[in-house]
Protein backbone atom coordinates (compact mmCIF):
# COMPACT_ATOMS: atom_id res chain seq x y z
CA UNK A 1 -29.00 -25.08 -37.52
CA UNK A 2 -26.58 -22.48 -38.91
CA UNK A 3 -27.93 -19.91 -36.44
CA UNK A 4 -27.21 -22.23 -33.49
CA UNK A 5 -23.64 -22.86 -34.69
CA UNK A 6 -23.04 -19.12 -35.17
CA UNK A 7 -24.38 -18.41 -31.70
CA UNK A 8 -22.12 -21.09 -30.26
CA UNK A 9 -19.10 -19.63 -32.10
CA UNK A 10 -19.89 -16.11 -30.83
CA UNK A 11 -20.16 -17.46 -27.29
CA UNK A 12 -16.83 -19.30 -27.59
CA UNK A 13 -15.20 -16.19 -29.08
CA UNK A 14 -16.60 -14.05 -26.24
CA UNK A 15 -15.29 -16.46 -23.62
CA UNK A 16 -11.87 -16.57 -25.30
CA UNK A 17 -11.75 -12.75 -25.47
CA UNK A 18 -12.70 -12.56 -21.80
CA UNK A 19 -9.94 -15.01 -20.85
CA UNK A 20 -7.39 -12.99 -22.87
CA UNK A 21 -8.54 -9.74 -21.24
CA UNK A 22 -8.28 -11.35 -17.79
CA UNK A 23 -4.76 -12.61 -18.53
CA UNK A 24 -3.64 -9.17 -19.74
CA UNK A 25 -5.12 -7.57 -16.61
CA UNK A 26 -3.38 -10.08 -14.36
CA UNK A 27 -0.05 -9.48 -16.08
CA UNK A 28 -0.30 -5.75 -15.34
CA UNK A 29 -1.28 -6.48 -11.72
CA UNK A 30 1.58 -8.94 -11.17
CA UNK A 31 4.34 -6.37 -10.56
CA UNK A 32 2.45 -4.27 -7.97
CA UNK A 33 1.14 -7.43 -6.31
CA UNK A 34 4.65 -8.90 -6.09
CA UNK A 35 6.01 -5.60 -4.71
CA UNK A 36 3.26 -5.50 -2.06
CA UNK A 37 3.93 -9.15 -1.14
CA UNK A 38 7.65 -8.43 -0.68
CA UNK A 39 6.99 -5.32 1.41
CA UNK A 40 4.54 -7.13 3.68
CA UNK A 41 6.59 -10.30 4.16
CA UNK A 42 10.16 -9.06 3.79
CA UNK A 43 10.58 -11.62 1.01
CA UNK A 44 13.83 -11.43 -0.97
CA UNK A 45 15.40 -9.05 1.55
CA UNK A 46 12.81 -6.30 1.17
CA UNK A 47 13.05 -3.99 4.16
CA UNK A 48 10.08 -2.57 6.02
CA UNK A 49 9.09 1.05 6.66
CA UNK A 50 8.45 2.30 10.17
CA UNK A 51 6.80 5.51 11.32
CA UNK A 52 8.81 5.69 14.55
CA UNK A 53 11.68 4.08 16.42
CA UNK A 54 11.40 0.75 18.22
CA UNK A 55 9.68 0.74 21.60
CA UNK A 56 12.46 -1.25 23.29
CA UNK A 57 16.16 -2.01 22.96
CA UNK A 58 17.59 -5.47 23.62
CA UNK A 59 21.03 -6.54 24.83
CA UNK A 60 21.61 -8.52 21.62
CA UNK A 61 23.88 -6.74 19.17
CA UNK A 62 23.85 -6.95 15.39
CA UNK A 63 26.41 -5.61 12.95
CA UNK A 64 24.90 -3.73 10.02
CA UNK A 65 27.18 -3.55 6.98
CA UNK A 66 26.62 -1.14 4.11
CA UNK A 67 27.04 -1.69 0.37
CA UNK A 68 26.49 0.64 -2.58
CA UNK A 69 26.56 0.17 -6.35
CA UNK A 70 25.57 2.20 -9.38
CA UNK A 71 23.78 0.68 -12.35
CA UNK A 72 25.40 1.22 -15.73
CA UNK A 73 23.90 4.22 -17.41
CA UNK A 74 24.20 6.41 -14.31
CA UNK A 75 27.50 8.24 -14.27
CA UNK A 76 27.73 8.70 -10.51
CA UNK A 77 30.00 7.53 -7.75
CA UNK A 78 28.06 6.12 -4.83
CA UNK A 79 29.43 4.70 -1.60
CA UNK A 80 28.63 4.27 2.08
CA UNK A 81 30.34 6.78 4.37
CA UNK A 82 30.86 4.04 6.97
CA UNK A 83 31.66 0.36 6.47
CA UNK A 84 29.44 -0.93 9.25
CA UNK A 85 27.74 -0.12 12.55
CA UNK A 86 27.24 -2.31 15.61
CA UNK A 87 23.91 -1.63 17.30
CA UNK A 88 21.73 -3.19 19.93
CA UNK A 89 18.58 -4.72 18.46
CA UNK A 90 15.93 -1.99 18.63
CA UNK A 91 18.50 0.83 18.76
CA UNK A 92 18.08 3.49 16.07
CA UNK A 93 20.99 3.80 13.66
CA UNK A 94 21.89 6.63 11.33
CA UNK A 95 24.08 5.91 8.32
CA UNK A 96 25.15 8.08 5.41
CA UNK A 97 25.80 7.35 1.77
CA UNK A 98 27.66 9.71 -0.55
CA UNK A 99 26.75 10.21 -4.21
CA UNK A 100 28.49 12.39 -6.78
CA UNK A 101 27.30 13.31 -10.27
CA UNK A 102 30.25 12.92 -12.65
CA UNK A 103 28.49 14.53 -15.63
CA UNK A 104 28.15 18.09 -16.88
CA UNK A 105 24.34 18.02 -16.57
CA UNK A 106 21.79 17.51 -13.83
CA UNK A 107 20.94 13.82 -13.43
CA UNK A 108 18.17 12.14 -11.46
CA UNK A 109 18.62 8.74 -9.88
CA UNK A 110 16.62 6.46 -7.65
CA UNK A 111 17.91 3.77 -5.33
CA UNK A 112 16.59 0.28 -4.84
CA UNK A 113 17.55 -1.67 -1.75
CA UNK A 114 17.59 -5.01 -0.01
CA UNK A 115 19.12 -6.72 2.98
CA UNK A 116 21.04 -9.94 3.32
CA UNK A 117 20.40 -12.43 4.63
CA UNK A 118 17.00 -12.10 2.95
CA UNK A 119 15.26 -13.74 5.91
CA UNK A 120 16.14 -10.66 8.01
CA UNK A 121 14.30 -8.28 5.65
CA UNK A 122 11.05 -8.37 7.59
CA UNK A 123 12.86 -7.18 10.75
CA UNK A 124 14.96 -4.42 9.17
CA UNK A 125 12.93 -1.21 9.54
CA UNK A 126 13.72 2.09 7.86
CA UNK A 127 12.27 5.24 9.39
CA UNK A 128 13.71 7.66 6.84
CA UNK A 129 15.61 6.91 3.65
CA UNK A 130 16.82 8.62 0.50
CA UNK A 131 15.54 5.60 -1.44
CA UNK A 132 11.93 6.68 -0.96
CA UNK A 133 12.34 9.56 -3.45
CA UNK A 134 14.22 10.50 -6.60
CA UNK A 135 17.55 12.24 -6.08
CA UNK A 136 18.68 14.94 -8.51
CA UNK A 137 22.31 16.01 -8.50
CA UNK A 138 23.58 19.03 -10.41
CA UNK A 139 26.74 18.74 -12.54
CA UNK A 140 29.64 17.73 -10.28
CA UNK A 141 27.43 17.91 -7.16
CA UNK A 142 28.07 15.61 -4.20
CA UNK A 143 25.34 14.77 -1.72
CA UNK A 144 25.43 13.01 1.63
CA UNK A 145 22.23 11.00 1.99
CA UNK A 146 21.04 9.62 5.34
CA UNK A 147 19.14 6.48 6.24
CA UNK A 148 17.60 6.10 9.72
CA UNK A 149 16.86 2.51 10.65
CA UNK A 150 16.61 -0.15 13.36
CA UNK A 151 16.39 -3.91 13.66
CA UNK A 152 12.98 -4.79 15.11
CA UNK A 153 13.21 -6.42 18.56
CA UNK A 154 10.74 -9.04 17.26
CA UNK A 155 13.76 -10.66 15.59
CA UNK A 156 14.53 -12.19 18.99
CA UNK A 157 11.21 -14.10 18.87
CA UNK A 158 12.06 -15.77 15.55
CA UNK A 159 14.24 -18.86 16.11
CA UNK A 160 15.08 -18.92 12.38
CA UNK A 161 17.09 -15.72 12.93
CA UNK A 162 19.05 -16.75 16.03
CA UNK A 163 22.11 -17.25 13.81
CA UNK A 164 21.96 -13.74 12.30
CA UNK A 165 24.77 -11.60 13.66
CA UNK A 166 25.34 -9.43 10.59
CA UNK A 167 22.88 -7.78 8.22
CA UNK A 168 24.04 -6.12 5.00
CA UNK A 169 22.01 -3.17 3.76
CA UNK A 170 22.67 -2.78 0.02
CA UNK A 171 21.60 -0.01 -2.35
CA UNK A 172 21.84 0.29 -6.12
CA UNK A 173 21.25 3.63 -7.82
CA UNK A 174 19.58 3.63 -11.24
CA UNK A 175 19.05 6.49 -13.69
CA UNK A 176 15.56 7.96 -13.44
CA UNK A 177 14.04 10.06 -16.20
CA UNK A 178 12.44 13.43 -15.56
CA UNK A 179 9.06 12.13 -16.76
CA UNK A 180 8.57 10.32 -13.47
CA UNK A 181 9.38 6.87 -14.78
CA UNK A 182 12.28 4.48 -14.83
CA UNK A 183 14.98 5.23 -17.33
CA UNK A 184 16.19 1.65 -17.05
CA UNK A 185 13.87 -1.16 -18.05
CA UNK A 186 12.58 -3.12 -15.08
CA UNK A 187 13.12 -0.44 -12.42
CA UNK A 188 9.88 0.61 -10.80
């Protein structure tokens, strides 16, 4: 009888350990899965990447506004070099952002981004962007960083976006350590 109870306890303990291991594994997979979901769907204003420009340009115009902030812990100035641009849907735009390192040492930063309204994120396509890589500025260095983008003509097929006349492209720069990881908790 004691052997049966011990076997049952070992089985229960094994199942419990398996459930704990599964939960730990899922917790580590949650961040990459959420990031992939946002990139695929444009959820929460996540923009899309494009390999090339749009294949057509529409008559409809959209104003793209630019916003820039710096997270505390990164002693840089960071601002858009233009307030906004008015483009035809499908037309390729080129905007510049200026960053300056205010310290006496080289500092690496990385930008995160989103668009507002969030529902437009799936149609905002970036061809080239400084946010795809870390940016290192030497002491006192100023850099002009480009972003090449367009609003996908498919936006015209989505009746939920008929009211969108302005899209804001916003960036926030965070400190990035030289070890290849985020220097600020929560930045990936």
